[in-house]
PDB file of N, CA and C in Angstrom:
ATOM      1  N   MET A   1     -50.145 -18.678 -19.728  1.00  0.00           N
ATOM      2  CA  MET A   1     -49.300 -18.365 -18.196  1.00  0.00           C
ATOM      3  C   MET A   1     -48.845 -17.164 -17.941  1.00  0.00           C
ATOM      4  N   ALA A   2     -49.052 -16.775 -16.543  1.00  0.00           N
ATOM      5  CA  ALA A   2     -48.875 -15.987 -16.084  1.00  0.00           C
ATOM      6  C   ALA A   2     -47.835 -14.931 -16.303  1.00  0.00           C
ATOM      7  N   GLU A   3     -47.408 -13.894 -16.018  1.00  0.00           N
ATOM      8  CA  GLU A   3     -46.284 -12.971 -16.301  1.00  0.00           C
ATOM      9  C   GLU A   3     -46.344 -12.303 -15.166  1.00  0.00           C
ATOM     10  N   ALA A   4     -44.890 -12.510 -14.724  1.00  0.00           N
ATOM     11  CA  ALA A   4     -44.431 -12.243 -13.257  1.00  0.00           C
ATOM     12  C   ALA A   4     -43.793 -10.796 -13.137  1.00  0.00           C
ATOM     13  N   SER A   5     -44.329 -10.253 -12.298  1.00  0.00           N
ATOM     14  CA  SER A   5     -43.724  -8.422 -12.348  1.00  0.00           C
ATOM     15  C   SER A   5     -42.243  -8.518 -11.748  1.00  0.00           C
ATOM     16  N   ILE A   6     -41.235  -7.545 -11.947  1.00  0.00           N
ATOM     17  CA  ILE A   6     -40.747  -7.438 -11.519  1.00  0.00           C
ATOM     18  C   ILE A   6     -40.330  -7.063  -9.658  1.00  0.00           C
ATOM     19  N   GLY A   7     -40.966  -7.118  -9.205  1.00  0.00           N
ATOM     20  CA  GLY A   7     -40.795  -7.662  -7.320  1.00  0.00           C
ATOM     21  C   GLY A   7     -40.743  -8.810  -7.357  1.00  0.00           C
ATOM     22  N   GLU A   8     -41.858  -9.412  -8.065  1.00  0.00           N
ATOM     23  CA  GLU A   8     -41.350 -10.924  -8.206  1.00  0.00           C
ATOM     24  C   GLU A   8     -39.963 -11.537  -8.647  1.00  0.00           C
ATOM     25  N   LEU A   9     -39.753 -11.002  -9.587  1.00  0.00           N
ATOM     26  CA  LEU A   9     -38.433 -11.445 -10.237  1.00  0.00           C
ATOM     27  C   LEU A   9     -36.814 -11.707  -8.863  1.00  0.00           C
ATOM     28  N   VAL A  10     -37.352 -10.253  -8.812  1.00  0.00           N
ATOM     29  CA  VAL A  10     -36.501  -9.661  -7.538  1.00  0.00           C
ATOM     30  C   VAL A  10     -35.966 -10.370  -6.535  1.00  0.00           C
ATOM     31  N   ASN A  11     -37.367 -11.114  -5.720  1.00  0.00           N
ATOM     32  CA  ASN A  11     -37.503 -12.205  -5.049  1.00  0.00           C
ATOM     33  C   ASN A  11     -36.996 -13.008  -5.161  1.00  0.00           C
ATOM     34  N   ASN A  12     -36.778 -13.305  -6.271  1.00  0.00           N
ATOM     35  CA  ASN A  12     -37.106 -14.642  -6.538  1.00  0.00           C
ATOM     36  C   ASN A  12     -35.343 -14.559  -6.557  1.00  0.00           C
ATOM     37  N   LEU A  13     -35.252 -13.869  -7.167  1.00  0.00           N
ATOM     38  CA  LEU A  13     -33.239 -13.627  -7.334  1.00  0.00           C
ATOM     39  C   LEU A  13     -32.961 -13.685  -6.002  1.00  0.00           C
ATOM     40  N   LYS A  14     -33.534 -12.692  -5.326  1.00  0.00           N
ATOM     41  CA  LYS A  14     -33.503 -12.495  -3.334  1.00  0.00           C
ATOM     42  C   LYS A  14     -33.157 -14.044  -3.080  1.00  0.00           C
ATOM     43  N   ASP A  15     -34.460 -14.779  -2.830  1.00  0.00           N
ATOM     44  CA  ASP A  15     -34.375 -16.136  -2.393  1.00  0.00           C
ATOM     45  C   ASP A  15     -33.004 -16.918  -3.307  1.00  0.00           C
ATOM     46  N   LEU A  16     -32.835 -17.431  -3.897  1.00  0.00           N
ATOM     47  CA  LEU A  16     -31.690 -18.044  -4.716  1.00  0.00           C
ATOM     48  C   LEU A  16     -30.687 -17.531  -4.020  1.00  0.00           C
ATOM     49  N   LEU A  17     -29.894 -15.934  -4.076  1.00  0.00           N
ATOM     50  CA  LEU A  17     -29.027 -15.241  -3.432  1.00  0.00           C
ATOM     51  C   LEU A  17     -28.540 -15.812  -2.535  1.00  0.00           C
ATOM     52  N   ASN A  18     -29.934 -15.686  -1.548  1.00  0.00           N
ATOM     53  CA  ASN A  18     -29.849 -15.573   0.013  1.00  0.00           C
ATOM     54  C   ASN A  18     -29.376 -17.216   0.588  1.00  0.00           C
ATOM     55  N   SER A  19     -30.819 -18.151   0.409  1.00  0.00           N
ATOM     56  CA  SER A  19     -30.624 -19.735   0.326  1.00  0.00           C
ATOM     57  C   SER A  19     -29.660 -20.632  -0.299  1.00  0.00           C
ATOM     58  N   LYS A  20     -28.863 -20.147  -1.833  1.00  0.00           N
ATOM     59  CA  LYS A  20     -28.210 -20.749  -2.035  1.00  0.00           C
ATOM     60  C   LYS A  20     -27.201 -20.408  -2.372  1.00  0.00           C
ATOM     61  N   ILE A  21     -26.854 -19.688  -3.025  1.00  0.00           N
ATOM     62  CA  ILE A  21     -25.096 -19.754  -3.679  1.00  0.00           C
ATOM     63  C   ILE A  21     -24.835 -18.091  -2.843  1.00  0.00           C
ATOM     64  N   ILE A  22     -24.784 -17.107  -2.241  1.00  0.00           N
ATOM     65  CA  ILE A  22     -24.107 -16.602  -1.288  1.00  0.00           C
ATOM     66  C   ILE A  22     -23.822 -17.635   0.035  1.00  0.00           C
ATOM     67  N   PRO A  23     -24.771 -18.151   0.338  1.00  0.00           N
ATOM     68  CA  PRO A  23     -24.212 -19.264   1.681  1.00  0.00           C
ATOM     69  C   PRO A  23     -23.130 -20.096   0.798  1.00  0.00           C
ATOM     70  N   PHE A  24     -23.152 -20.613  -0.262  1.00  0.00           N
ATOM     71  CA  PHE A  24     -22.251 -21.603  -1.130  1.00  0.00           C
ATOM     72  C   PHE A  24     -20.560 -20.740  -1.164  1.00  0.00           C
ATOM     73  N   LEU A  25     -20.755 -19.671  -1.456  1.00  0.00           N
ATOM     74  CA  LEU A  25     -19.687 -18.690  -1.646  1.00  0.00           C
ATOM     75  C   LEU A  25     -18.652 -18.452  -0.413  1.00  0.00           C
ATOM     76  N   PHE A  26     -19.777 -18.070   0.740  1.00  0.00           N
ATOM     77  CA  PHE A  26     -19.561 -17.529   2.050  1.00  0.00           C
ATOM     78  C   PHE A  26     -18.002 -19.069   2.378  1.00  0.00           C
ATOM     79  N   VAL A  27     -18.903 -20.547   2.406  1.00  0.00           N
ATOM     80  CA  VAL A  27     -18.162 -21.280   2.800  1.00  0.00           C
ATOM     81  C   VAL A  27     -17.031 -21.729   2.241  1.00  0.00           C
ATOM     82  N   LEU A  28     -17.093 -21.498   0.542  1.00  0.00           N
ATOM     83  CA  LEU A  28     -16.104 -21.783  -0.097  1.00  0.00           C
ATOM     84  C   LEU A  28     -15.030 -20.534   0.236  1.00  0.00           C
ATOM     85  N   ALA A  29     -15.066 -19.444   0.681  1.00  0.00           N
ATOM     86  CA  ALA A  29     -14.333 -18.492   1.236  1.00  0.00           C
ATOM     87  C   ALA A  29     -13.587 -18.912   2.468  1.00  0.00           C
ATOM     88  N   THR A  30     -14.346 -18.607   2.923  1.00  0.00           N
ATOM     89  CA  THR A  30     -14.259 -19.472   4.893  1.00  0.00           C
ATOM     90  C   THR A  30     -13.047 -20.439   4.213  1.00  0.00           C
ATOM     91  N   VAL A  31     -13.340 -21.195   3.278  1.00  0.00           N
ATOM     92  CA  VAL A  31     -12.739 -22.811   3.675  1.00  0.00           C
ATOM     93  C   VAL A  31     -11.061 -21.827   2.490  1.00  0.00           C
ATOM     94  N   LEU A  32     -11.030 -21.500   2.119  1.00  0.00           N
ATOM     95  CA  LEU A  32      -9.653 -20.788   1.030  1.00  0.00           C
ATOM     96  C   LEU A  32      -8.974 -20.147   2.196  1.00  0.00           C
ATOM     97  N   PHE A  33      -9.761 -19.062   3.018  1.00  0.00           N
ATOM     98  CA  PHE A  33      -9.183 -18.136   4.020  1.00  0.00           C
ATOM     99  C   PHE A  33      -8.181 -19.856   4.743  1.00  0.00           C
ATOM    100  N   MET A  34      -8.981 -20.203   5.632  1.00  0.00           N
ATOM    101  CA  MET A  34      -8.748 -21.326   6.638  1.00  0.00           C
ATOM    102  C   MET A  34      -7.529 -21.992   5.962  1.00  0.00           C
ATOM    103  N   TRP A  35      -7.079 -22.528   4.397  1.00  0.00           N
ATOM    104  CA  TRP A  35      -6.579 -22.914   3.810  1.00  0.00           C
ATOM    105  C   TRP A  35      -5.225 -22.358   3.754  1.00  0.00           C
ATOM    106  N   GLY A  36      -5.516 -21.257   3.848  1.00  0.00           N
ATOM    107  CA  GLY A  36      -3.665 -20.408   3.830  1.00  0.00           C
ATOM    108  C   GLY A  36      -3.611 -20.578   4.491  1.00  0.00           C
ATOM    109  N   VAL A  37      -4.105 -19.887   5.688  1.00  0.00           N
ATOM    110  CA  VAL A  37      -3.491 -20.160   7.282  1.00  0.00           C
ATOM    111  C   VAL A  37      -3.039 -21.725   7.781  1.00  0.00           C
ATOM    112  N   ILE A  38      -3.396 -22.938   6.940  1.00  0.00           N
ATOM    113  CA  ILE A  38      -2.618 -23.931   7.394  1.00  0.00           C
ATOM    114  C   ILE A  38      -1.339 -24.048   6.957  1.00  0.00           C
ATOM    115  N   GLN A  39      -1.396 -23.525   5.292  1.00  0.00           N
ATOM    116  CA  GLN A  39      -0.479 -23.402   4.808  1.00  0.00           C
ATOM    117  C   GLN A  39       0.709 -23.040   5.442  1.00  0.00           C
ATOM    118  N   TYR A  40       0.165 -21.328   6.024  1.00  0.00           N
ATOM    119  CA  TYR A  40       1.421 -20.331   6.810  1.00  0.00           C
ATOM    120  C   TYR A  40       2.247 -21.399   7.723  1.00  0.00           C
ATOM    121  N   ILE A  41       1.327 -21.584   8.411  1.00  0.00           N
ATOM    122  CA  ILE A  41       1.586 -22.464   9.558  1.00  0.00           C
ATOM    123  C   ILE A  41       2.405 -23.480   9.199  1.00  0.00           C
ATOM    124  N   ILE A  42       1.839 -24.324   8.645  1.00  0.00           N
ATOM    125  CA  ILE A  42       3.038 -25.635   7.920  1.00  0.00           C
ATOM    126  C   ILE A  42       4.309 -24.844   7.096  1.00  0.00           C
ATOM    127  N   ALA A  43       4.272 -23.761   6.952  1.00  0.00           N
ATOM    128  CA  ALA A  43       5.544 -23.322   6.201  1.00  0.00           C
ATOM    129  C   ALA A  43       6.855 -23.271   6.113  1.00  0.00           C
ATOM    130  N   GLY A  44       6.741 -23.856   7.646  1.00  0.00           N
ATOM    131  CA  GLY A  44       7.733 -23.733   8.819  1.00  0.00           C
ATOM    132  C   GLY A  44       9.116 -23.095   8.117  1.00  0.00           C
ATOM    133  N   GLY A  45       8.757 -21.859   8.186  1.00  0.00           N
ATOM    134  CA  GLY A  45      10.552 -20.625   7.788  1.00  0.00           C
ATOM    135  C   GLY A  45      10.083 -20.532   6.214  1.00  0.00           C
ATOM    136  N   SER A  46      10.054 -21.477   5.185  1.00  0.00           N
ATOM    137  CA  SER A  46      10.210 -21.187   3.997  1.00  0.00           C
ATOM    138  C   SER A  46       9.409 -20.209   3.733  1.00  0.00           C
ATOM    139  N   GLU A  47       9.799 -18.958   3.530  1.00  0.00           N
ATOM    140  CA  GLU A  47       9.674 -17.883   2.910  1.00  0.00           C
ATOM    141  C   GLU A  47       8.781 -18.049   1.240  1.00  0.00           C
ATOM    142  N   ASP A  48       9.005 -18.535   0.547  1.00  0.00           N
ATOM    143  CA  ASP A  48       8.239 -19.266  -0.783  1.00  0.00           C
ATOM    144  C   ASP A  48       6.880 -19.108  -0.244  1.00  0.00           C
ATOM    145  N   ARG A  49       6.971 -20.811   0.662  1.00  0.00           N
ATOM    146  CA  ARG A  49       6.202 -20.773   0.900  1.00  0.00           C
ATOM    147  C   ARG A  49       5.062 -19.969   1.861  1.00  0.00           C
ATOM    148  N   ALA A  50       6.176 -19.267   3.007  1.00  0.00           N
ATOM    149  CA  ALA A  50       5.076 -18.746   3.517  1.00  0.00           C
ATOM    150  C   ALA A  50       4.244 -17.066   2.144  1.00  0.00           C
ATOM    151  N   LYS A  51       5.243 -16.660   1.529  1.00  0.00           N
ATOM    152  CA  LYS A  51       4.709 -15.656   0.273  1.00  0.00           C
ATOM    153  C   LYS A  51       3.270 -15.823  -0.211  1.00  0.00           C
ATOM    154  N   ASN A  52       3.241 -17.877  -0.947  1.00  0.00           N
ATOM    155  CA  ASN A  52       2.344 -18.154  -1.518  1.00  0.00           C
ATOM    156  C   ASN A  52       0.990 -18.268  -0.321  1.00  0.00           C
ATOM    157  N   ALA A  53       0.827 -18.713   1.181  1.00  0.00           N
ATOM    158  CA  ALA A  53       0.141 -19.178   1.725  1.00  0.00           C
ATOM    159  C   ALA A  53      -0.358 -17.070   1.997  1.00  0.00           C
ATOM    160  N   LYS A  54       0.173 -16.428   2.289  1.00  0.00           N
ATOM    161  CA  LYS A  54       0.017 -15.328   2.294  1.00  0.00           C
ATOM    162  C   LYS A  54      -0.910 -14.664   1.360  1.00  0.00           C
ATOM    163  N   GLN A  55      -0.946 -15.456  -0.122  1.00  0.00           N
ATOM    164  CA  GLN A  55      -1.402 -14.687  -1.169  1.00  0.00           C
ATOM    165  C   GLN A  55      -2.846 -15.404  -0.899  1.00  0.00           C
ATOM    166  N   ILE A  56      -2.756 -16.576  -0.989  1.00  0.00           N
ATOM    167  CA  ILE A  56      -4.178 -17.412  -0.443  1.00  0.00           C
ATOM    168  C   ILE A  56      -4.863 -16.753   0.484  1.00  0.00           C
ATOM    169  N   ILE A  57      -4.615 -16.150   1.707  1.00  0.00           N
ATOM    170  CA  ILE A  57      -5.229 -16.377   3.251  1.00  0.00           C
ATOM    171  C   ILE A  57      -5.860 -14.287   2.407  1.00  0.00           C
ATOM    172  N   VAL A  58      -5.104 -13.395   1.450  1.00  0.00           N
ATOM    173  CA  VAL A  58      -5.975 -12.312   0.844  1.00  0.00           C
ATOM    174  C   VAL A  58      -6.265 -12.432  -0.143  1.00  0.00           C
ATOM    175  N   TRP A  59      -6.577 -13.350  -1.312  1.00  0.00           N
ATOM    176  CA  TRP A  59      -7.900 -13.709  -1.479  1.00  0.00           C
ATOM    177  C   TRP A  59      -8.828 -14.469  -0.681  1.00  0.00           C
ATOM    178  N   GLY A  60      -8.963 -15.196   0.190  1.00  0.00           N
ATOM    179  CA  GLY A  60      -9.497 -15.569   0.708  1.00  0.00           C
ATOM    180  C   GLY A  60     -10.213 -14.417   0.972  1.00  0.00           C
ATOM    181  N   ILE A  61      -9.991 -13.539   1.938  1.00  0.00           N
ATOM    182  CA  ILE A  61     -10.437 -12.256   2.754  1.00  0.00           C
ATOM    183  C   ILE A  61     -11.034 -10.979   1.853  1.00  0.00           C
ATOM    184  N   ILE A  62     -10.514 -10.892   0.275  1.00  0.00           N
ATOM    185  CA  ILE A  62     -11.078 -10.452  -0.494  1.00  0.00           C
ATOM    186  C   ILE A  62     -12.793 -11.046  -0.737  1.00  0.00           C
ATOM    187  N   GLY A  63     -12.831 -12.520  -1.295  1.00  0.00           N
ATOM    188  CA  GLY A  63     -13.669 -13.211  -1.128  1.00  0.00           C
ATOM    189  C   GLY A  63     -14.576 -12.984  -0.474  1.00  0.00           C
ATOM    190  N   LEU A  64     -14.531 -12.982   1.196  1.00  0.00           N
ATOM    191  CA  LEU A  64     -15.261 -12.663   2.094  1.00  0.00           C
ATOM    192  C   LEU A  64     -15.825 -11.285   2.185  1.00  0.00           C
ATOM    193  N   THR A  65     -15.374 -10.458   1.835  1.00  0.00           N
ATOM    194  CA  THR A  65     -15.532  -9.052   1.465  1.00  0.00           C
ATOM    195  C   THR A  65     -16.445  -8.867   0.088  1.00  0.00           C
ATOM    196  N   ILE A  66     -16.162  -9.476  -1.309  1.00  0.00           N
ATOM    197  CA  ILE A  66     -16.824  -9.700  -2.302  1.00  0.00           C
ATOM    198  C   ILE A  66     -18.394 -10.211  -1.532  1.00  0.00           C
ATOM    199  N   MET A  67     -18.437 -11.041  -0.975  1.00  0.00           N
ATOM    200  CA  MET A  67     -19.359 -12.219  -0.807  1.00  0.00           C
ATOM    201  C   MET A  67     -20.423 -11.290   0.410  1.00  0.00           C
ATOM    202  N   THR A  68     -19.528 -10.347   1.347  1.00  0.00           N
ATOM    203  CA  THR A  68     -20.460  -9.491   1.953  1.00  0.00           C
ATOM    204  C   THR A  68     -21.455  -8.754   1.801  1.00  0.00           C
ATOM    205  N   ALA A  69     -20.666  -7.953   0.602  1.00  0.00           N
ATOM    206  CA  ALA A  69     -20.808  -6.744  -0.542  1.00  0.00           C
ATOM    207  C   ALA A  69     -22.453  -7.068  -1.302  1.00  0.00           C
ATOM    208  N   ALA A  70     -22.028  -8.380  -1.186  1.00  0.00           N
ATOM    209  CA  ALA A  70     -22.936  -8.744  -2.730  1.00  0.00           C
ATOM    210  C   ALA A  70     -24.280  -9.082  -2.131  1.00  0.00           C
ATOM    211  N   TRP A  71     -24.435  -9.829  -0.667  1.00  0.00           N
ATOM    212  CA  TRP A  71     -25.392  -9.843   0.400  1.00  0.00           C
ATOM    213  C   TRP A  71     -26.288  -8.210   0.628  1.00  0.00           C
ATOM    214  N   ALA A  72     -25.122  -7.567   0.985  1.00  0.00           N
ATOM    215  CA  ALA A  72     -25.946  -5.916   1.035  1.00  0.00           C
ATOM    216  C   ALA A  72     -26.314  -5.655  -0.109  1.00  0.00           C
ATOM    217  N   ILE A  73     -25.938  -5.630  -0.828  1.00  0.00           N
ATOM    218  CA  ILE A  73     -26.403  -4.782  -2.492  1.00  0.00           C
ATOM    219  C   ILE A  73     -28.087  -5.795  -2.416  1.00  0.00           C
ATOM    220  N   VAL A  74     -28.380  -6.683  -2.281  1.00  0.00           N
ATOM    221  CA  VAL A  74     -29.336  -6.903  -2.869  1.00  0.00           C
ATOM    222  C   VAL A  74     -30.342  -7.229  -1.803  1.00  0.00           C
ATOM    223  N   GLY A  75     -29.986  -6.659  -0.693  1.00  0.00           N
ATOM    224  CA  GLY A  75     -30.592  -6.715   0.505  1.00  0.00           C
ATOM    225  C   GLY A  75     -31.597  -5.167   0.675  1.00  0.00           C
ATOM    226  N   LEU A  76     -30.106  -3.790   0.762  1.00  0.00           N
ATOM    227  CA  LEU A  76     -30.971  -2.854   0.770  1.00  0.00           C
ATOM    228  C   LEU A  76     -31.221  -2.708  -0.960  1.00  0.00           C
ATOM    229  N   PHE A  77     -30.978  -3.024  -1.971  1.00  0.00           N
ATOM    230  CA  PHE A  77     -31.796  -3.027  -3.399  1.00  0.00           C
ATOM    231  C   PHE A  77     -33.235  -3.543  -3.161  1.00  0.00           C
ATOM    232  N   CYS A  78     -33.450  -4.563  -2.666  1.00  0.00           N
ATOM    233  CA  CYS A  78     -34.958  -5.508  -2.204  1.00  0.00           C
ATOM    234  C   CYS A  78     -35.614  -3.953  -1.222  1.00  0.00           C
ATOM    235  N   ASN A  79     -34.870  -4.027  -0.230  1.00  0.00           N
ATOM    236  CA  ASN A  79     -35.465  -2.652   0.643  1.00  0.00           C
ATOM    237  C   ASN A  79     -35.662  -1.236   0.302  1.00  0.00           C
ATOM    238  N   SER A  80     -35.165  -0.792  -1.074  1.00  0.00           N
ATOM    239  CA  SER A  80     -35.276   0.167  -1.066  1.00  0.00           C
ATOM    240  C   SER A  80     -35.806   0.865  -2.327  1.00  0.00           C
ATOM    241  N   PHE A  81     -36.563  -0.612  -2.745  1.00  0.00           N
ATOM    242  CA  PHE A  81     -37.391  -0.125  -4.414  1.00  0.00           C
ATOM    243  C   PHE A  81     -38.648  -1.378  -4.477  1.00  0.00           C
ATOM    244  N   PHE A  82     -38.531  -2.232  -3.274  1.00  0.00           N
ATOM    245  CA  PHE A  82     -39.671  -2.329  -2.924  1.00  0.00           C
ATOM    246  C   PHE A  82     -40.154  -3.202  -1.792  1.00  0.00           C
ATOM    247  N   GLY A  83     -39.306  -2.773  -0.941  1.00  0.00           N
ATOM    248  CA  GLY A  83     -40.579  -2.450   0.415  1.00  0.00           C
ATOM    249  C   GLY A  83     -39.925  -3.761   1.387  1.00  0.00           C
ATOM    250  N   GLY A  84     -38.925  -4.155   0.971  1.00  0.00           N
ATOM    251  CA  GLY A  84     -38.001  -5.378   1.525  1.00  0.00           C
ATOM    252  C   GLY A  84     -38.431  -6.949   0.847  1.00  0.00           C
ATOM    253  N   CYS A  85     -39.108  -6.320  -0.418  1.00  0.00           N
ATOM    254  CA  CYS A  85     -39.409  -8.053  -0.776  1.00  0.00           C
ATOM    255  C   CYS A  85     -40.180  -9.069  -0.008  1.00  0.00           C
ATOM    256  N   PRO A  86     -41.323  -8.679   0.525  1.00  0.00           N
ATOM    257  CA  PRO A  86     -42.105 -10.274   0.847  1.00  0.00           C
ATOM    258  C   PRO A  86     -41.426 -11.557   0.572  1.00  0.00           C
ATOM    259  N   ALA A  87     -41.401 -12.602   1.946  1.00  0.00           N
ATOM    260  CA  ALA A  87     -41.622 -13.363   1.093  1.00  0.00           C
ATOM    261  C   ALA A  87     -42.828 -14.464   0.378  1.00  0.00           C
ATOM    262  N   ARG A  88     -42.504 -15.247  -0.259  1.00  0.00           N
ATOM    263  CA  ARG A  88     -43.789 -15.659  -1.450  1.00  0.00           C
ATOM    264  C   ARG A  88     -44.741 -16.718  -0.018  1.00  0.00           C
TER     265      ARG A  88
END
């Protein structure tokens, strides 16, 4: 059984994150944000419902920010230490 190098492991992790996990989480955070916007629109002046909707919107924005940061950190790590982690 051949052992994988650190570069190959990082490349595999980058591929997994970029192709599956981060896009899914981007979609999830966007849906959460949009759900909050819809809830805010249909709150109809109810302060409690509007407050709850604002919290959902904030969590959606936080999720999008975290996913963008994770995507950037993986890319920065690969570019800094492995010369861009070339695709297999």
